C-alpha atoms as a PDB file:
ATOM      1  CA  MET A   1     -84.402 -38.805 -82.349  1.00  0.00           C
ATOM      2  CA  SER A   2     -86.107 -36.085 -80.865  1.00  0.00           C
ATOM      3  CA  LYS A   3     -87.312 -35.995 -77.228  1.00  0.00           C
ATOM      4  CA  LEU A   4     -90.980 -35.700 -76.508  1.00  0.00           C
ATOM      5  CA  PHE A   5     -92.019 -32.807 -74.561  1.00  0.00           C
ATOM      6  CA  VAL A   6     -95.614 -32.619 -73.125  1.00  0.00           C
ATOM      7  CA  VAL A   7     -97.566 -29.406 -72.676  1.00  0.00           C
ATOM      8  CA  PHE A   8    -100.700 -29.471 -70.697  1.00  0.00           C
ATOM      9  CA  GLY A   9    -103.199 -26.836 -71.380  1.00  0.00           C
ATOM     10  CA  ALA A  10    -101.207 -26.234 -74.773  1.00  0.00           C
ATOM     11  CA  THR A  11    -104.370 -24.388 -76.128  1.00  0.00           C
ATOM     12  CA  GLY A  12    -104.470 -21.975 -73.176  1.00  0.00           C
ATOM     13  CA  GLN A  13    -102.396 -18.619 -72.890  1.00  0.00           C
ATOM     14  CA  GLN A  14     -99.510 -20.248 -70.779  1.00  0.00           C
ATOM     15  CA  GLY A  15     -99.383 -23.541 -72.424  1.00  0.00           C
ATOM     16  CA  GLY A  16     -99.768 -21.836 -75.883  1.00  0.00           C
ATOM     17  CA  ALA A  17     -96.781 -19.494 -75.040  1.00  0.00           C
ATOM     18  CA  LEU A  18     -94.724 -22.412 -74.097  1.00  0.00           C
ATOM     19  CA  VAL A  19     -95.377 -24.384 -77.359  1.00  0.00           C
ATOM     20  CA  ASN A  20     -94.841 -21.001 -79.494  1.00  0.00           C
ATOM     21  CA  TYR A  21     -91.331 -20.739 -77.519  1.00  0.00           C
ATOM     22  CA  ILE A  22     -90.210 -23.920 -78.192  1.00  0.00           C
ATOM     23  CA  ILE A  23     -91.365 -23.927 -81.858  1.00  0.00           C
ATOM     24  CA  SER A  24     -89.632 -20.762 -82.435  1.00  0.00           C
ATOM     25  CA  HIS A  25     -86.434 -21.571 -80.560  1.00  0.00           C
ATOM     26  CA  PRO A  26     -83.323 -22.321 -82.726  1.00  0.00           C
ATOM     27  CA  ASP A  27     -82.332 -25.273 -80.670  1.00  0.00           C
ATOM     28  CA  PHE A  28     -85.286 -26.625 -78.904  1.00  0.00           C
ATOM     29  CA  SER A  29     -87.310 -26.582 -81.962  1.00  0.00           C
ATOM     30  CA  LYS A  30     -84.829 -29.567 -83.058  1.00  0.00           C
ATOM     31  CA  ASP A  31     -84.344 -31.055 -79.780  1.00  0.00           C
ATOM     32  CA  PHE A  32     -88.119 -31.753 -78.909  1.00  0.00           C
ATOM     33  CA  ARG A  33     -91.319 -33.228 -80.449  1.00  0.00           C
ATOM     34  CA  LEU A  34     -94.287 -31.350 -78.673  1.00  0.00           C
ATOM     35  CA  ARG A  35     -97.621 -33.277 -77.496  1.00  0.00           C
ATOM     36  CA  GLY A  36    -100.320 -30.822 -76.362  1.00  0.00           C
ATOM     37  CA  ILE A  37    -102.818 -31.866 -73.920  1.00  0.00           C
ATOM     38  CA  THR A  38    -106.100 -30.044 -74.163  1.00  0.00           C
ATOM     39  CA  ARG A  39    -109.830 -30.344 -72.946  1.00  0.00           C
ATOM     40  CA  ASN A  40    -110.966 -30.096 -76.796  1.00  0.00           C
ATOM     41  CA  SER A  41    -108.989 -31.157 -79.651  1.00  0.00           C
ATOM     42  CA  SER A  42    -111.346 -30.163 -82.233  1.00  0.00           C
ATOM     43  CA  SER A  43    -110.934 -26.444 -81.140  1.00  0.00           C
ATOM     44  CA  PRO A  44    -109.829 -23.806 -83.560  1.00  0.00           C
ATOM     45  CA  ALA A  45    -106.530 -23.378 -81.305  1.00  0.00           C
ATOM     46  CA  ALA A  46    -106.041 -27.021 -81.227  1.00  0.00           C
ATOM     47  CA  LYS A  47    -106.331 -27.403 -84.957  1.00  0.00           C
ATOM     48  CA  GLN A  48    -103.718 -24.440 -85.029  1.00  0.00           C
ATOM     49  CA  LEU A  49    -101.391 -26.501 -82.916  1.00  0.00           C
ATOM     50  CA  HIS A  50    -101.912 -29.256 -85.222  1.00  0.00           C
ATOM     51  CA  GLU A  51    -100.781 -27.374 -87.993  1.00  0.00           C
ATOM     52  CA  LYS A  52     -97.628 -26.288 -86.325  1.00  0.00           C
ATOM     53  CA  GLY A  53     -96.504 -29.984 -86.033  1.00  0.00           C
ATOM     54  CA  VAL A  54     -97.745 -30.435 -82.485  1.00  0.00           C
ATOM     55  CA  GLU A  55     -99.572 -33.742 -81.451  1.00  0.00           C
ATOM     56  CA  VAL A  56    -102.576 -32.930 -80.096  1.00  0.00           C
ATOM     57  CA  VAL A  57    -104.078 -35.018 -77.300  1.00  0.00           C
ATOM     58  CA  GLU A  58    -107.487 -34.477 -75.782  1.00  0.00           C
ATOM     59  CA  LEU A  59    -108.066 -34.973 -71.918  1.00  0.00           C
ATOM     60  CA  LYS A  60    -111.172 -33.934 -70.253  1.00  0.00           C
ATOM     61  CA  ASP A  61    -111.010 -34.758 -66.657  1.00  0.00           C
ATOM     62  CA  GLY A  62    -108.230 -32.414 -65.441  1.00  0.00           C
ATOM     63  CA  ARG A  63    -109.784 -30.004 -62.865  1.00  0.00           C
ATOM     64  CA  ILE A  64    -107.992 -27.064 -61.305  1.00  0.00           C
ATOM     65  CA  LEU A  65    -109.833 -24.575 -58.958  1.00  0.00           C
ATOM     66  CA  PHE A  66    -108.356 -21.219 -58.166  1.00  0.00           C
ATOM     67  CA  GLY A  67    -110.577 -18.181 -58.289  1.00  0.00           C
ATOM     68  CA  PHE A  68    -110.468 -16.043 -54.768  1.00  0.00           C
ATOM     69  CA  ALA A  69    -109.292 -12.674 -54.319  1.00  0.00           C
ATOM     70  CA  TRP A  70    -106.750 -11.361 -52.028  1.00  0.00           C
ATOM     71  CA  GLY A  71    -106.040  -8.591 -49.645  1.00  0.00           C
ATOM     72  CA  PRO A  72    -104.262  -5.269 -51.152  1.00  0.00           C
ATOM     73  CA  GLU A  73    -100.918  -6.336 -49.299  1.00  0.00           C
ATOM     74  CA  THR A  74    -100.725  -9.856 -50.370  1.00  0.00           C
ATOM     75  CA  LYS A  75     -97.709 -10.392 -52.768  1.00  0.00           C
ATOM     76  CA  LEU A  76     -98.461 -12.245 -55.962  1.00  0.00           C
ATOM     77  CA  PRO A  77     -96.050 -13.253 -58.738  1.00  0.00           C
ATOM     78  CA  LEU A  78     -96.862 -12.014 -62.084  1.00  0.00           C
ATOM     79  CA  ILE A  79     -95.613 -13.186 -65.518  1.00  0.00           C
ATOM     80  CA  ASP A  80     -95.876 -12.016 -69.175  1.00  0.00           C
ATOM     81  CA  ILE A  81     -97.336 -15.243 -70.766  1.00  0.00           C
ATOM     82  CA  ASN A  82     -94.990 -14.655 -73.491  1.00  0.00           C
ATOM     83  CA  ASP A  83     -92.079 -15.120 -71.035  1.00  0.00           C
ATOM     84  CA  THR A  84     -93.413 -18.663 -70.054  1.00  0.00           C
ATOM     85  CA  GLY A  85     -90.621 -20.408 -72.115  1.00  0.00           C
ATOM     86  CA  LYS A  86     -87.661 -18.570 -70.762  1.00  0.00           C
ATOM     87  CA  TYR A  87     -88.171 -19.979 -67.476  1.00  0.00           C
ATOM     88  CA  LEU A  88     -87.708 -23.619 -68.705  1.00  0.00           C
ATOM     89  CA  SER A  89     -85.010 -22.881 -71.144  1.00  0.00           C
ATOM     90  CA  PRO A  90     -82.159 -23.577 -68.383  1.00  0.00           C
ATOM     91  CA  ALA A  91     -83.950 -26.940 -67.562  1.00  0.00           C
ATOM     92  CA  LEU A  92     -84.238 -27.868 -71.222  1.00  0.00           C
ATOM     93  CA  ARG A  93     -80.217 -26.831 -71.649  1.00  0.00           C
ATOM     94  CA  ASP A  94     -79.012 -28.847 -68.942  1.00  0.00           C
ATOM     95  CA  PRO A  95     -81.500 -31.307 -67.574  1.00  0.00           C
ATOM     96  CA  ILE A  96     -79.594 -33.241 -65.117  1.00  0.00           C
ATOM     97  CA  LYS A  97     -78.397 -29.947 -63.430  1.00  0.00           C
ATOM     98  CA  TYR A  98     -82.194 -29.254 -63.005  1.00  0.00           C
ATOM     99  CA  ASN A  99     -83.572 -32.574 -62.274  1.00  0.00           C
ATOM    100  CA  GLY A 100     -85.825 -32.323 -59.091  1.00  0.00           C
ATOM    101  CA  CYS A 101     -85.375 -28.390 -58.890  1.00  0.00           C
ATOM    102  CA  ARG A 102     -88.321 -26.152 -58.569  1.00  0.00           C
ATOM    103  CA  LEU A 103     -88.554 -23.668 -61.165  1.00  0.00           C
ATOM    104  CA  ILE A 104     -90.528 -20.544 -60.364  1.00  0.00           C
ATOM    105  CA  ALA A 105     -91.897 -18.690 -62.938  1.00  0.00           C
ATOM    106  CA  ALA A 106     -92.547 -14.877 -62.149  1.00  0.00           C
ATOM    107  CA  THR A 107     -91.053 -11.593 -63.125  1.00  0.00           C
ATOM    108  CA  ALA A 108     -91.456 -10.254 -59.687  1.00  0.00           C
ATOM    109  CA  PHE A 109     -93.884 -10.505 -56.786  1.00  0.00           C
ATOM    110  CA  TYR A 110     -96.377  -7.431 -56.714  1.00  0.00           C
ATOM    111  CA  THR A 111     -98.829  -6.532 -54.124  1.00  0.00           C
ATOM    112  CA  ALA A 112    -102.452  -5.879 -55.371  1.00  0.00           C
ATOM    113  CA  LYS A 113    -101.644  -2.170 -54.793  1.00  0.00           C
ATOM    114  CA  GLU A 114     -98.372  -1.869 -56.562  1.00  0.00           C
ATOM    115  CA  GLN A 115    -100.436  -3.782 -59.264  1.00  0.00           C
ATOM    116  CA  VAL A 116    -103.229  -0.961 -59.532  1.00  0.00           C
ATOM    117  CA  ASP A 117    -100.856   1.818 -58.900  1.00  0.00           C
ATOM    118  CA  THR A 118     -98.698   0.881 -61.952  1.00  0.00           C
ATOM    119  CA  TRP A 119    -101.763   0.270 -63.824  1.00  0.00           C
ATOM    120  CA  SER A 120    -103.071   3.797 -63.002  1.00  0.00           C
ATOM    121  CA  THR A 121     -99.575   5.497 -63.825  1.00  0.00           C
ATOM    122  CA  VAL A 122     -99.394   3.787 -67.291  1.00  0.00           C
ATOM    123  CA  SER A 123    -102.941   4.273 -68.365  1.00  0.00           C
ATOM    124  CA  GLY A 124    -103.244   7.532 -66.901  1.00  0.00           C
ATOM    125  CA  LYS A 125    -106.712   6.704 -65.252  1.00  0.00           C
ATOM    126  CA  GLU A 126    -107.108   6.056 -61.528  1.00  0.00           C
ATOM    127  CA  VAL A 127    -107.722   2.321 -60.981  1.00  0.00           C
ATOM    128  CA  ILE A 128    -109.252   1.300 -57.707  1.00  0.00           C
ATOM    129  CA  LEU A 129    -110.756  -1.578 -56.150  1.00  0.00           C
ATOM    130  CA  PRO A 130    -111.867  -1.072 -52.582  1.00  0.00           C
ATOM    131  CA  GLU A 131    -110.803  -3.923 -50.292  1.00  0.00           C
ATOM    132  CA  GLU A 132    -114.660  -4.361 -48.903  1.00  0.00           C
ATOM    133  CA  ASP A 133    -115.596  -5.010 -52.806  1.00  0.00           C
ATOM    134  CA  ILE A 134    -113.122  -7.896 -52.952  1.00  0.00           C
ATOM    135  CA  PRO A 135    -115.418 -10.545 -51.368  1.00  0.00           C
ATOM    136  CA  LEU A 136    -117.891  -9.591 -53.879  1.00  0.00           C
ATOM    137  CA  LEU A 137    -115.887 -10.785 -56.761  1.00  0.00           C
ATOM    138  CA  THR A 138    -117.105 -14.365 -56.073  1.00  0.00           C
ATOM    139  CA  SER A 139    -120.264 -15.955 -54.701  1.00  0.00           C
ATOM    140  CA  ASP A 140    -118.514 -18.720 -53.425  1.00  0.00           C
ATOM    141  CA  PRO A 141    -118.405 -18.766 -49.339  1.00  0.00           C
ATOM    142  CA  LEU A 142    -115.201 -20.338 -49.144  1.00  0.00           C
ATOM    143  CA  GLN A 143    -113.468 -18.279 -51.686  1.00  0.00           C
ATOM    144  CA  GLN A 144    -114.966 -15.138 -49.922  1.00  0.00           C
ATOM    145  CA  LYS A 145    -113.360 -16.248 -46.614  1.00  0.00           C
ATOM    146  CA  MET A 146    -109.945 -16.847 -48.609  1.00  0.00           C
ATOM    147  CA  SER A 147    -110.148 -13.240 -49.899  1.00  0.00           C
ATOM    148  CA  ARG A 148    -109.795 -11.915 -46.386  1.00  0.00           C
ATOM    149  CA  PRO A 149    -106.753 -10.676 -44.973  1.00  0.00           C
ATOM    150  CA  GLY A 150    -104.816 -13.278 -42.782  1.00  0.00           C
ATOM    151  CA  THR A 151    -105.366 -16.067 -45.098  1.00  0.00           C
ATOM    152  CA  VAL A 152    -102.797 -18.910 -45.801  1.00  0.00           C
ATOM    153  CA  LEU A 153    -101.735 -17.137 -49.251  1.00  0.00           C
ATOM    154  CA  GLU A 154    -101.226 -13.739 -47.293  1.00  0.00           C
ATOM    155  CA  LYS A 155     -99.379 -15.367 -44.564  1.00  0.00           C
ATOM    156  CA  TRP A 156     -97.059 -18.017 -46.316  1.00  0.00           C
ATOM    157  CA  GLY A 157     -97.003 -16.642 -50.074  1.00  0.00           C
ATOM    158  CA  TYR A 158     -98.042 -17.976 -53.336  1.00  0.00           C
ATOM    159  CA  TYR A 159     -94.739 -19.921 -53.489  1.00  0.00           C
ATOM    160  CA  GLY A 160     -94.446 -20.669 -50.057  1.00  0.00           C
ATOM    161  CA  PRO A 161     -92.314 -18.842 -47.391  1.00  0.00           C
ATOM    162  CA  THR A 162     -89.198 -19.340 -49.540  1.00  0.00           C
ATOM    163  CA  GLY A 163     -90.993 -17.995 -52.631  1.00  0.00           C
ATOM    164  CA  GLU A 164     -89.093 -14.507 -53.103  1.00  0.00           C
ATOM    165  CA  GLU A 165     -85.590 -16.226 -52.070  1.00  0.00           C
ATOM    166  CA  ASP A 166     -86.374 -19.203 -54.856  1.00  0.00           C
ATOM    167  CA  LEU A 167     -87.524 -16.436 -57.436  1.00  0.00           C
ATOM    168  CA  CYS A 168     -84.283 -14.802 -56.986  1.00  0.00           C
ATOM    169  CA  TRP A 169     -82.499 -18.059 -57.497  1.00  0.00           C
ATOM    170  CA  MET A 170     -84.319 -18.795 -60.463  1.00  0.00           C
ATOM    171  CA  HIS A 171     -83.776 -15.041 -62.070  1.00  0.00           C
ATOM    172  CA  ASN A 172     -79.919 -16.092 -61.622  1.00  0.00           C
ATOM    173  CA  GLN A 173     -80.535 -19.126 -63.685  1.00  0.00           C
ATOM    174  CA  LEU A 174     -81.757 -17.233 -66.705  1.00  0.00           C
ATOM    175  CA  ASN A 175     -80.417 -15.718 -69.878  1.00  0.00           C
ATOM    176  CA  GLU A 176     -83.282 -13.821 -71.305  1.00  0.00           C
ATOM    177  CA  LYS A 177     -84.604 -10.530 -70.324  1.00  0.00           C
ATOM    178  CA  LEU A 178     -88.303 -10.740 -68.577  1.00  0.00           C
ATOM    179  CA  THR A 179     -91.039  -8.139 -68.994  1.00  0.00           C
ATOM    180  CA  THR A 180     -91.997  -6.211 -65.911  1.00  0.00           C
ATOM    181  CA  TRP A 181     -95.850  -5.588 -65.047  1.00  0.00           C
ATOM    182  CA  LYS A 182     -94.904  -1.789 -66.130  1.00  0.00           C
ATOM    183  CA  GLU A 183     -93.824  -3.124 -69.703  1.00  0.00           C
ATOM    184  CA  PHE A 184     -96.469  -5.435 -70.141  1.00  0.00           C
ATOM    185  CA  LEU A 185     -98.946  -2.936 -69.491  1.00  0.00           C
ATOM    186  CA  GLU A 186     -97.294  -0.249 -71.891  1.00  0.00           C
ATOM    187  CA  SER A 187     -97.147  -2.704 -74.580  1.00  0.00           C
ATOM    188  CA  ASN A 188    -100.717  -4.371 -74.306  1.00  0.00           C
ATOM    189  CA  GLY A 189    -102.915  -1.042 -73.794  1.00  0.00           C
ATOM    190  CA  PRO A 190    -105.002   0.850 -74.255  1.00  0.00           C
ATOM    191  CA  TRP A 191    -106.763  -0.331 -71.299  1.00  0.00           C
ATOM    192  CA  PHE A 192    -109.842   2.154 -71.167  1.00  0.00           C
ATOM    193  CA  VAL A 193    -111.652   3.492 -73.953  1.00  0.00           C
ATOM    194  CA  GLU A 194    -113.465   6.712 -73.481  1.00  0.00           C
END
């Protein structure tokens, strides 16, 4: 009998990528039956999951709020959504070893400046976002305050003070190549149309 694996946000990019990874994996597709949690079980994406053999369950009350911007030197983890399953692979192979472990999913930490500079290089177009315009990206006063330099995110990092060290540990657990920010940009363009 296969084990149950529940994916929250199964119709979103990250959850959908995880579902596709498990379904297409030669071992995990046999070891796990999938239950996808979504806000709308009648959506086209939910119906596609059902057609793939995923049990689709509707749950409307979950709420997540994360929408503030950040300063240009704040380091943020980036991940190609299609790499999501690669981070879970070690835990699925050896659940006892990874029980209680925090698995961090990111290719690397990049500052906003590094992200923009790489995007400029790959696209051949200068990409800029003046720091003074960052608070204008949201009308919420709390989010505007959070976008200023010196915030908790900038001081402590996305995954806390040991985030970069923890990410290094995570990468040592993986056996599949990850997609860098540059590779992601190169394979998903063109970014600007004249």
